[in-house]
Protein backbone atom coordinates (compact mmCIF):
# COMPACT_ATOMS: atom_id res chain seq x y z
CA MET A 1 144.50 93.55 140.03
CA MET A 2 147.56 94.96 138.21
CA LYS A 3 150.82 96.47 139.38
CA LYS A 4 151.13 99.74 137.47
CA ILE A 5 154.63 100.68 136.36
CA PHE A 6 153.73 103.27 133.74
CA PHE A 7 151.47 106.30 133.18
CA VAL A 8 147.82 105.49 133.95
CA LEU A 9 144.69 107.26 132.77
CA LEU A 10 141.38 106.52 134.49
CA ILE A 11 138.46 106.64 132.10
CA SER A 12 135.49 108.64 133.32
CA LEU A 13 132.30 106.93 134.40
CA PHE A 14 130.58 108.52 131.44
CA ALA A 15 133.02 106.85 129.08
CA VAL A 16 132.58 103.56 130.93
CA SER A 17 128.85 103.73 130.43
CA ILE A 18 129.28 103.47 126.65
CA LEU A 19 131.64 100.49 126.70
CA PRO A 20 130.41 97.57 124.60
CA LYS A 21 128.51 94.73 126.22
CA PHE A 22 130.55 91.56 126.73
CA ALA A 23 127.90 89.17 127.99
CA PHE A 24 125.37 87.03 126.16
CA ALA A 25 122.30 88.93 125.12
CA SER A 26 119.12 88.44 127.10
CA ASP A 27 117.55 86.32 124.34
CA GLY A 28 120.47 83.86 124.46
CA GLN A 29 122.05 85.02 121.21
CA VAL A 30 125.80 85.55 121.09
CA GLU A 31 127.16 89.06 120.80
CA TYR A 32 130.86 88.26 121.13
CA VAL A 33 133.01 85.22 120.50
CA GLU A 34 136.48 84.55 121.85
CA VAL A 35 138.82 82.99 119.33
CA ARG A 36 142.24 81.54 120.07
CA ILE A 37 144.81 83.03 117.70
CA THR A 38 147.58 80.72 116.50
CA SER A 39 148.23 81.37 112.81
CA SER A 40 149.90 84.79 113.20
CA LEU A 41 152.15 83.89 116.14
CA LYS A 42 155.92 83.67 115.79
CA SER A 43 156.40 82.46 119.34
CA SER A 44 154.23 81.32 122.23
CA GLN A 45 156.56 82.90 124.79
CA LYS A 46 156.87 86.46 123.51
CA ILE A 47 153.96 88.18 121.75
CA LYS A 48 154.23 91.56 120.05
CA LEU A 49 151.14 93.78 120.30
CA SER A 50 150.89 97.03 118.32
CA SER A 51 148.52 100.01 118.27
CA SER A 52 149.32 103.38 116.70
CA GLY A 53 147.52 105.36 119.42
CA GLY A 54 148.47 103.39 122.50
CA PHE A 55 146.46 100.85 124.48
CA LEU A 56 143.53 100.79 126.85
CA THR A 57 143.54 97.83 129.22
CA GLY A 58 141.37 96.52 132.01
CA ASP A 59 138.74 93.99 133.01
CA PHE A 60 136.03 95.18 130.63
CA GLU A 61 133.55 92.61 131.98
CA GLU A 62 133.22 94.42 135.30
CA SER A 63 130.09 96.52 135.67
CA THR A 64 132.18 99.64 136.36
CA PRO A 65 135.65 98.74 135.08
CA LYS A 66 138.74 100.82 135.75
CA THR A 67 140.68 101.24 132.55
CA GLU A 68 144.36 102.06 132.26
CA PHE A 69 146.16 103.68 129.35
CA ILE A 70 149.57 102.61 128.07
CA ASP A 71 151.13 105.36 126.02
CA LYS A 72 153.15 103.06 123.79
CA ASP A 73 152.67 102.01 120.18
CA GLU A 74 154.32 98.66 120.73
CA ILE A 75 154.37 96.30 123.72
CA TYR A 76 155.51 92.75 124.35
CA ILE A 77 153.76 90.13 126.45
CA VAL A 78 155.90 87.47 128.15
CA PRO A 79 155.47 84.96 130.99
CA GLY A 80 156.50 86.33 134.37
CA GLU A 81 157.26 84.72 137.71
CA SER A 82 154.90 82.06 138.98
CA GLU A 83 151.60 82.46 137.09
CA LYS A 84 152.12 86.11 136.22
CA ILE A 85 152.20 87.75 132.80
CA ASN A 86 154.48 90.74 132.20
CA ILE A 87 153.90 93.61 129.79
CA LEU A 88 157.16 95.06 128.47
CA ASP A 89 158.11 98.00 126.32
CA LYS A 90 160.42 97.47 123.35
CA ASP A 91 163.46 98.02 125.58
CA GLY A 92 162.41 95.23 127.92
CA ASN A 93 161.19 97.43 130.77
CA ILE A 94 158.19 96.09 132.71
CA LEU A 95 155.15 98.33 132.25
CA MET A 96 152.75 96.19 134.26
CA THR A 97 152.24 92.71 135.64
CA MET A 98 148.99 90.74 135.44
CA ASP A 99 147.72 87.61 137.09
CA SER A 100 147.21 85.05 134.30
CA LYS A 101 143.86 84.01 135.81
CA GLU A 102 142.40 87.51 135.43
CA LYS A 103 140.60 88.52 132.26
CA ILE A 104 142.56 91.64 131.37
CA TYR A 105 141.73 92.92 127.88
CA PHE A 106 143.68 95.20 125.58
CA SER A 107 142.12 97.51 123.01
CA SER A 108 143.31 100.39 120.88
CA GLU A 109 142.65 103.93 122.06
CA ASP A 110 139.21 103.92 120.41
CA MET A 111 137.53 101.02 122.21
CA ASN A 112 134.43 101.07 120.05
CA ASN A 113 136.46 100.63 116.86
CA SER A 114 139.41 98.79 118.27
CA VAL A 115 142.01 97.34 115.89
CA LEU A 116 145.17 95.73 117.25
CA LYS A 117 148.12 94.05 115.62
CA VAL A 118 149.22 90.66 116.94
CA GLU A 119 152.71 90.33 115.47
CA ASN A 120 152.05 91.46 111.86
CA ASN A 121 148.33 90.63 111.60
CA ARG A 122 145.48 93.01 112.42
CA TYR A 123 142.46 91.97 114.48
CA ARG A 124 139.27 93.81 115.28
CA GLY A 125 138.04 93.90 118.86
CA TYR A 126 140.08 93.07 121.94
CA ILE A 127 142.99 90.84 122.86
CA ARG A 128 143.65 89.05 126.12
CA PHE A 129 146.20 86.49 127.25
CA GLN A 130 146.19 83.27 129.21
CA ARG A 131 149.12 81.26 130.39
CA LYS A 132 149.62 77.52 130.04
CA GLY A 133 152.91 76.56 131.64
CA ASN A 134 155.54 78.78 130.06
CA ASN A 135 153.44 79.35 126.94
CA LEU A 136 150.99 82.16 126.25
CA ILE A 137 147.56 81.69 124.73
CA VAL A 138 146.30 84.66 122.69
CA ILE A 139 142.55 85.22 122.56
CA ASN A 140 140.69 87.67 120.30
CA ARG A 141 137.35 88.85 121.68
CA VAL A 142 135.36 90.06 118.70
CA THR A 143 131.75 90.59 117.67
CA LEU A 144 130.18 87.69 115.83
CA ASN A 145 129.84 89.79 112.68
CA ASP A 146 133.47 90.91 112.77
CA TYR A 147 134.53 87.30 113.36
CA LEU A 148 132.65 86.26 110.21
CA TYR A 149 134.41 89.03 108.26
CA GLY A 150 137.63 87.13 108.93
CA VAL A 151 136.19 83.66 108.30
CA VAL A 152 134.23 83.81 105.04
CA PRO A 153 137.14 84.82 102.74
CA ARG A 154 139.36 82.17 104.33
CA GLU A 155 136.77 79.44 103.89
CA MET A 156 135.53 80.37 100.39
CA PRO A 157 137.34 82.28 97.61
CA SER A 158 136.07 85.85 97.41
CA SER A 159 135.91 85.40 93.61
CA PHE A 160 132.94 83.04 94.01
CA PRO A 161 129.47 84.38 93.06
CA PHE A 162 127.82 86.62 95.62
CA GLU A 163 124.95 84.23 96.40
CA ALA A 164 127.47 81.46 97.16
CA LEU A 165 129.34 83.85 99.49
CA LYS A 166 126.07 84.67 101.26
CA ALA A 167 125.33 80.95 101.69
CA GLN A 168 128.84 80.55 103.14
CA ALA A 169 128.26 83.47 105.53
CA VAL A 170 125.09 81.86 106.89
CA ALA A 171 126.74 78.44 107.19
CA ALA A 172 129.73 79.98 108.99
CA ARG A 173 127.41 81.88 111.36
CA ASN A 174 125.51 78.70 112.15
CA PHE A 175 128.72 76.75 112.69
CA ALA A 176 130.07 79.39 115.08
CA LEU A 177 126.88 79.56 117.12
CA LYS A 178 126.46 75.79 117.25
CA ASN A 179 130.07 75.23 118.34
CA ILE A 180 130.39 78.22 120.67
CA GLY A 181 131.19 76.01 123.67
CA LYS A 182 133.76 73.78 121.97
CA TYR A 183 136.69 75.11 124.00
CA SER A 184 134.88 76.55 127.00
CA SER A 185 136.91 74.34 129.33
CA GLU A 186 140.04 75.99 127.91
CA GLY A 187 138.74 79.50 128.54
CA TYR A 188 137.71 80.51 125.02
CA ASN A 189 135.11 79.58 122.38
CA LEU A 190 136.74 78.70 119.07
CA SER A 191 140.12 78.27 117.40
CA ASP A 192 141.32 80.01 114.22
CA THR A 193 142.18 76.72 112.45
CA THR A 194 140.32 74.07 110.45
CA ASP A 195 139.49 72.43 113.78
CA CYS A 196 136.73 75.05 113.86
CA GLN A 197 136.75 77.55 110.99
CA VAL A 198 139.79 79.26 109.49
CA TYR A 199 139.86 82.84 110.81
CA GLY A 200 142.31 85.37 109.43
CA GLY A 201 141.31 88.54 111.27
CA MET A 202 141.07 91.91 109.57
CA ASP A 203 143.82 91.26 107.02
CA ALA A 204 141.77 88.43 105.50
CA GLU A 205 138.76 90.66 104.83
CA THR A 206 137.54 91.68 101.39
CA GLU A 207 134.84 94.15 100.44
CA ILE A 208 132.62 91.55 98.77
CA THR A 209 132.79 88.99 101.59
CA ASN A 210 132.13 91.67 104.21
CA LYS A 211 129.08 92.65 102.17
CA ALA A 212 127.92 89.01 102.13
CA VAL A 213 128.18 88.92 105.93
CA ASP A 214 126.37 92.25 106.32
CA GLU A 215 123.52 91.32 103.97
CA THR A 216 122.91 88.07 105.85
CA LYS A 217 123.34 89.53 109.34
CA GLY A 218 121.14 87.66 111.80
CA ILE A 219 120.14 85.02 109.23
CA ILE A 220 120.50 81.41 110.35
CA ALA A 221 119.36 77.96 109.25
CA GLU A 222 117.06 75.98 111.55
CA TYR A 223 115.54 72.51 111.59
CA ASN A 224 112.27 72.24 113.53
CA GLY A 225 113.07 75.57 115.16
CA GLU A 226 116.56 74.49 116.32
CA LEU A 227 119.86 75.86 115.10
CA ILE A 228 121.59 73.40 112.77
CA ASP A 229 125.26 72.48 112.71
CA ALA A 230 125.89 73.79 109.19
CA VAL A 231 129.03 71.83 108.37
CA TYR A 232 130.46 72.16 104.87
CA CYS A 233 133.22 70.77 102.66
CA SER A 234 135.13 71.89 99.60
CA ASN A 235 133.69 69.41 97.10
CA SER A 236 131.30 66.48 97.57
CA GLY A 237 132.58 64.57 94.55
CA GLY A 238 129.04 64.23 93.19
CA ILE A 239 127.33 62.84 96.29
CA THR A 240 127.25 64.14 99.86
CA GLU A 241 127.73 62.00 102.94
CA GLU A 242 125.26 61.60 105.80
CA SER A 243 126.52 62.70 109.19
CA GLY A 244 125.79 59.35 110.81
CA SER A 245 128.29 57.64 108.51
CA ALA A 246 131.00 60.29 108.85
CA TRP A 247 130.63 60.81 112.60
CA ALA A 248 128.63 59.47 115.53
CA VAL A 249 125.59 61.77 115.27
CA ASP A 250 122.91 61.15 112.65
CA GLU A 251 121.29 64.53 111.97
CA PRO A 252 118.06 64.55 109.92
CA TYR A 253 119.20 67.63 107.97
CA LEU A 254 122.58 66.07 107.01
CA LYS A 255 121.48 63.29 104.67
CA SER A 256 123.28 61.99 101.59
CA ILE A 257 122.10 63.56 98.32
CA GLU A 258 123.17 63.32 94.69
CA ASP A 259 125.14 66.47 93.90
CA SER A 260 125.71 67.04 90.20
CA PHE A 261 126.63 70.67 90.93
CA SER A 262 129.97 69.51 92.38
CA THR A 263 131.17 67.59 89.32
CA ASP A 264 133.56 69.07 86.75
CA SER A 265 135.25 71.31 89.30
CA PRO A 266 138.61 71.25 91.09
CA ASN A 267 139.16 68.02 93.08
CA SER A 268 135.92 66.48 91.84
CA VAL A 269 138.27 63.67 90.78
CA TRP A 270 141.84 63.00 91.92
CA THR A 271 144.50 60.32 92.07
CA ALA A 272 147.11 59.52 94.74
CA VAL A 273 149.91 57.02 94.18
CA PHE A 274 151.90 55.49 97.05
CA SER A 275 154.79 53.06 96.99
CA GLU A 276 154.86 50.36 99.62
CA SER A 277 157.76 52.11 101.37
CA GLU A 278 155.85 55.43 101.43
CA LEU A 279 152.84 53.78 103.04
CA LYS A 280 155.05 52.00 105.55
CA GLU A 281 156.64 55.32 106.53
CA LYS A 282 153.27 57.10 106.84
CA LEU A 283 152.02 54.37 109.17
CA LYS A 284 155.24 54.39 111.16
CA THR A 285 154.96 58.12 111.89
CA LYS A 286 151.51 57.41 113.38
CA GLY A 287 152.81 54.58 115.54
CA ILE A 288 151.42 51.80 113.33
CA ASN A 289 153.80 48.97 112.44
CA VAL A 290 152.59 46.09 110.27
CA GLY A 291 155.89 45.47 108.51
CA ASP A 292 156.11 45.61 104.73
CA ILE A 293 152.79 46.60 103.16
CA ASN A 294 151.26 43.81 101.10
CA ASN A 295 147.77 45.10 100.46
CA LEU A 296 145.05 47.64 101.21
CA GLU A 297 141.54 46.25 101.47
CA VAL A 298 138.26 48.19 101.69
CA LEU A 299 136.16 46.37 104.28
CA GLU A 300 133.11 48.63 104.47
CA THR A 301 131.62 51.60 102.65
CA SER A 302 128.74 53.96 103.42
CA SER A 303 125.63 54.42 101.30
CA SER A 304 127.43 57.20 99.41
CA GLY A 305 130.34 54.91 98.60
CA ARG A 306 132.80 56.41 101.06
CA VAL A 307 135.23 54.07 102.77
CA LEU A 308 134.33 53.44 106.41
CA LYS A 309 136.92 50.74 107.13
CA LEU A 310 140.27 50.21 105.40
CA LYS A 311 142.41 47.20 106.30
CA ILE A 312 146.16 47.43 105.89
CA VAL A 313 147.74 44.03 105.39
CA GLY A 314 151.43 43.78 106.22
CA SER A 315 154.13 41.17 106.64
CA ALA A 316 153.98 41.63 110.42
CA GLY A 317 150.25 42.00 110.94
CA GLU A 318 147.10 43.89 110.01
CA TYR A 319 145.57 47.21 111.03
CA VAL A 320 142.12 48.69 110.34
CA LEU A 321 141.64 52.43 109.86
CA GLU A 322 138.12 53.80 110.26
CA LYS A 323 136.35 56.88 108.87
CA ASP A 324 138.30 60.13 109.28
CA LYS A 325 141.33 58.25 110.63
CA ILE A 326 141.97 57.04 107.09
CA ARG A 327 142.77 60.53 105.86
CA GLN A 328 144.53 61.55 109.05
CA VAL A 329 146.97 58.65 108.75
CA LEU A 330 147.46 58.58 104.98
CA GLY A 331 147.51 62.36 104.61
CA LEU A 332 144.70 64.92 104.35
CA ASN A 333 146.18 66.51 101.24
CA ASP A 334 146.96 63.19 99.54
CA ILE A 335 143.69 61.42 100.35
CA LYS A 336 141.35 64.31 99.70
CA SER A 337 138.24 62.37 100.67
CA THR A 338 137.21 58.85 101.62
CA LEU A 339 135.19 58.49 98.41
CA PHE A 340 137.82 56.37 96.66
CA THR A 341 138.77 53.01 95.17
CA ILE A 342 142.13 51.24 95.31
CA ALA A 343 144.12 49.40 92.65
CA LYS A 344 147.68 48.17 92.63
CA SER A 345 149.90 49.08 89.71
CA ASN A 346 152.09 46.31 88.34
CA GLY A 347 154.18 48.70 86.32
CA PHE A 348 153.05 47.53 82.89
CA GLY A 349 149.47 48.12 81.81
CA GLU A 350 149.72 51.89 82.23
CA GLY A 351 153.31 52.13 81.01
CA THR A 352 154.50 53.87 84.14
CA LYS A 353 157.57 51.66 84.53
CA GLU A 354 160.60 51.20 82.36
CA VAL A 355 160.89 48.05 80.18
CA TYR A 356 163.65 46.63 78.02
CA ALA A 357 163.30 47.25 74.28
CA VAL A 358 165.20 45.01 71.85
CA ASP A 359 165.47 44.63 68.11
CA GLY A 360 164.66 41.46 66.22
CA THR A 361 168.06 39.92 66.88
CA MET A 362 167.82 40.53 70.66
CA ASP A 363 170.92 42.72 70.44
CA ASN A 364 171.51 46.08 72.10
CA PRO A 365 168.73 46.11 74.73
CA LYS A 366 167.85 49.47 76.25
CA THR A 367 165.26 50.75 78.71
CA VAL A 368 162.37 52.95 77.62
CA ASN A 369 159.27 54.30 79.33
CA LEU A 370 156.23 52.62 77.84
CA ASN A 371 154.30 55.91 77.94
CA ASP A 372 156.85 57.48 75.60
CA ALA A 373 157.34 54.49 73.26
CA ASN A 374 155.93 53.84 69.81
CA VAL A 375 155.60 50.10 69.34
CA ILE A 376 156.23 48.87 65.76
CA ASN A 377 154.66 45.70 64.49
CA GLY A 378 157.33 43.60 62.77
CA ASP A 379 155.00 42.56 59.96
CA SER A 380 153.28 45.76 58.91
CA LYS A 381 155.79 48.26 60.28
CA LYS A 382 152.85 50.28 61.62
CA THR A 383 152.64 51.94 65.01
CA VAL A 384 150.23 50.12 67.28
CA SER A 385 148.71 50.94 70.66
CA ARG A 386 149.99 49.61 73.95
CA GLY A 387 146.80 47.61 74.22
CA MET A 388 147.93 45.48 71.23
CA VAL A 389 151.29 44.62 72.79
CA LYS A 390 151.23 41.24 74.49
CA ARG A 391 154.82 40.79 75.70
CA VAL A 392 157.88 42.85 76.55
CA VAL A 393 161.33 41.86 77.71
CA THR A 394 162.40 42.88 81.21
CA SER A 395 165.57 42.26 83.17
CA ALA A 396 163.87 39.11 84.46
CA GLY A 397 162.87 37.86 81.03
CA ASP A 398 159.87 38.37 78.78
CA LYS A 399 156.62 39.50 80.39
CA GLU A 400 152.90 39.45 79.64
CA ILE A 401 151.53 43.01 79.97
CA SER A 402 148.00 42.81 78.62
CA GLU A 403 146.45 41.81 81.97
CA PRO A 404 147.03 43.38 85.41
CA GLU A 405 148.90 41.41 88.03
CA GLU A 406 147.41 40.25 91.31
CA LYS A 407 147.16 42.91 93.98
CA ASN A 408 149.71 41.26 96.26
CA SER A 409 152.40 40.99 93.59
CA GLY A 410 154.24 44.24 94.32
CA GLY A 411 154.04 47.75 92.86
CA ASP A 412 152.44 51.08 93.72
CA PHE A 413 149.02 51.55 95.29
CA VAL A 414 146.86 53.75 93.07
CA ILE A 415 143.98 55.46 94.90
CA GLU A 416 141.40 57.13 92.69
CA GLY A 417 138.95 59.38 94.48
CA LYS A 418 136.29 62.03 94.19
CA GLY A 419 135.71 65.23 96.16
CA TYR A 420 137.64 67.08 98.85
CA GLY A 421 136.76 66.97 102.54
CA HIS A 422 134.36 64.95 104.66
CA GLY A 423 131.52 65.38 102.17
CA VAL A 424 128.89 66.27 104.78
CA GLY A 425 126.59 69.26 104.32
CA MET A 426 127.18 72.06 101.83
CA SER A 427 129.67 71.58 99.01
CA GLN A 428 131.36 74.92 98.43
CA TRP A 429 132.10 74.23 94.77
CA GLY A 430 128.56 72.99 94.39
CA ALA A 431 127.31 76.25 95.92
CA LYS A 432 129.40 78.13 93.37
CA LYS A 433 127.83 76.23 90.49
CA MET A 434 124.32 76.72 91.87
CA ALA A 435 124.91 80.47 92.23
CA GLU A 436 126.21 80.62 88.66
CA GLU A 437 122.99 78.96 87.52
CA GLY A 438 120.88 81.60 89.27
CA TYR A 439 120.02 79.97 92.60
CA LYS A 440 119.71 82.27 95.65
CA PHE A 441 121.59 81.65 98.88
CA GLU A 442 118.45 80.37 100.64
CA GLU A 443 117.94 77.79 97.88
CA ILE A 444 121.56 76.69 98.11
CA LEU A 445 121.25 76.16 101.85
CA LYS A 446 117.97 74.26 101.54
CA TYR A 447 119.45 72.03 98.84
CA TYR A 448 122.37 70.88 100.97
CA TYR A 449 120.65 70.91 104.39
CA ASN A 450 117.56 68.71 104.24
CA GLY A 451 114.29 70.24 105.49
CA VAL A 452 115.74 73.42 107.00
CA ASP A 453 114.22 76.88 107.29
CA VAL A 454 116.33 79.97 106.64
CA VAL A 455 115.19 82.64 109.11
CA LYS A 456 116.34 85.98 110.47
CA GLU A 457 116.97 86.35 114.19
CA ASP A 458 117.92 89.38 116.26
CA MET A 459 121.65 89.03 116.87
């Protein structure tokens, strides 16, 4: 299995008998998950692993595994020849060589309370490595509960009310269990990114979020006795989206509901402004070329008002973005949700552009920003609002400013939206507001997931 280059300690059969189980439990519930670690890596070709008391390593899934001890506090994992993986000490000496296809795990000296450092981040449980070409894939095998310790504080601020944190813990547990096979073809279960759930390992943990996980241990949400996919978003913008509109699957427990709890909170409303050149560049980076951007047209919306189809009209053609592709192309942080409307600024009505200001004799013109200008009526000498001003003088002559220009007349695209995220399922800011108003975590879950039961299972 492994070529031993360093001191080896064989664990007794008695010690082996108390090693943790690694398989699925007999009732089909998950005991361990394997999570690909990416966020803490500095390189995919040389991984630093640290443990203050040395390392135990072996194929822990064998019924009677042989375990080896590496008496080093710090080791480095690098690709070897062919499909091998080499374990080095800090001086570059090879301690052992593994076949990349074998499941060789590393733990700290205390296997039952193992904590390892991957680069500078600590992780509970065990670490193993796979090889993909010349790159290494790092996988953390961890109990479901310990995994949730590292997820909940990364997905919801630990300052949120405790009942909201408990609702998040249940939703995160459901999501993990429902998506356990997402990357099975790649040799692991989940990733540590927003593609699954953000997982920060032990360094992300807080006392209050760990307590929320512990107090909801084994609790899940079901619909007609089946585990639900408890998706969630940051803020619904006042109305949630049904899954059938956002994605391909129409789940009965993911229906659109009015959500007043999510209003008056961060990102409940937002604005994004793009120039034509900015939009052209965003499209270009995604391989979309329609020339100069003339217009953006909403072709279709869902029952919640979210944009399902957005047509981009350019000088060289047209292109239609659909559903989540809209945010992916235009920018997830700029377009915070697809619950938006579009206008085109002409540079006058809102005073965002500079105009020429002149005195009564048309002498000495100068540019001013209309937002910062006080407009004086020549008759009464009183300051009036911008809404009373009918004409200004620009470099092209005088200009009507009381009415907006046509959408294809040039200027910035102003996108005004509500909410943050896909809008399906539980709104995290809505959960916060509900908890502040005295709702329990079960009530929060039942509000956002239509017709579900919140039950406790043996995990």
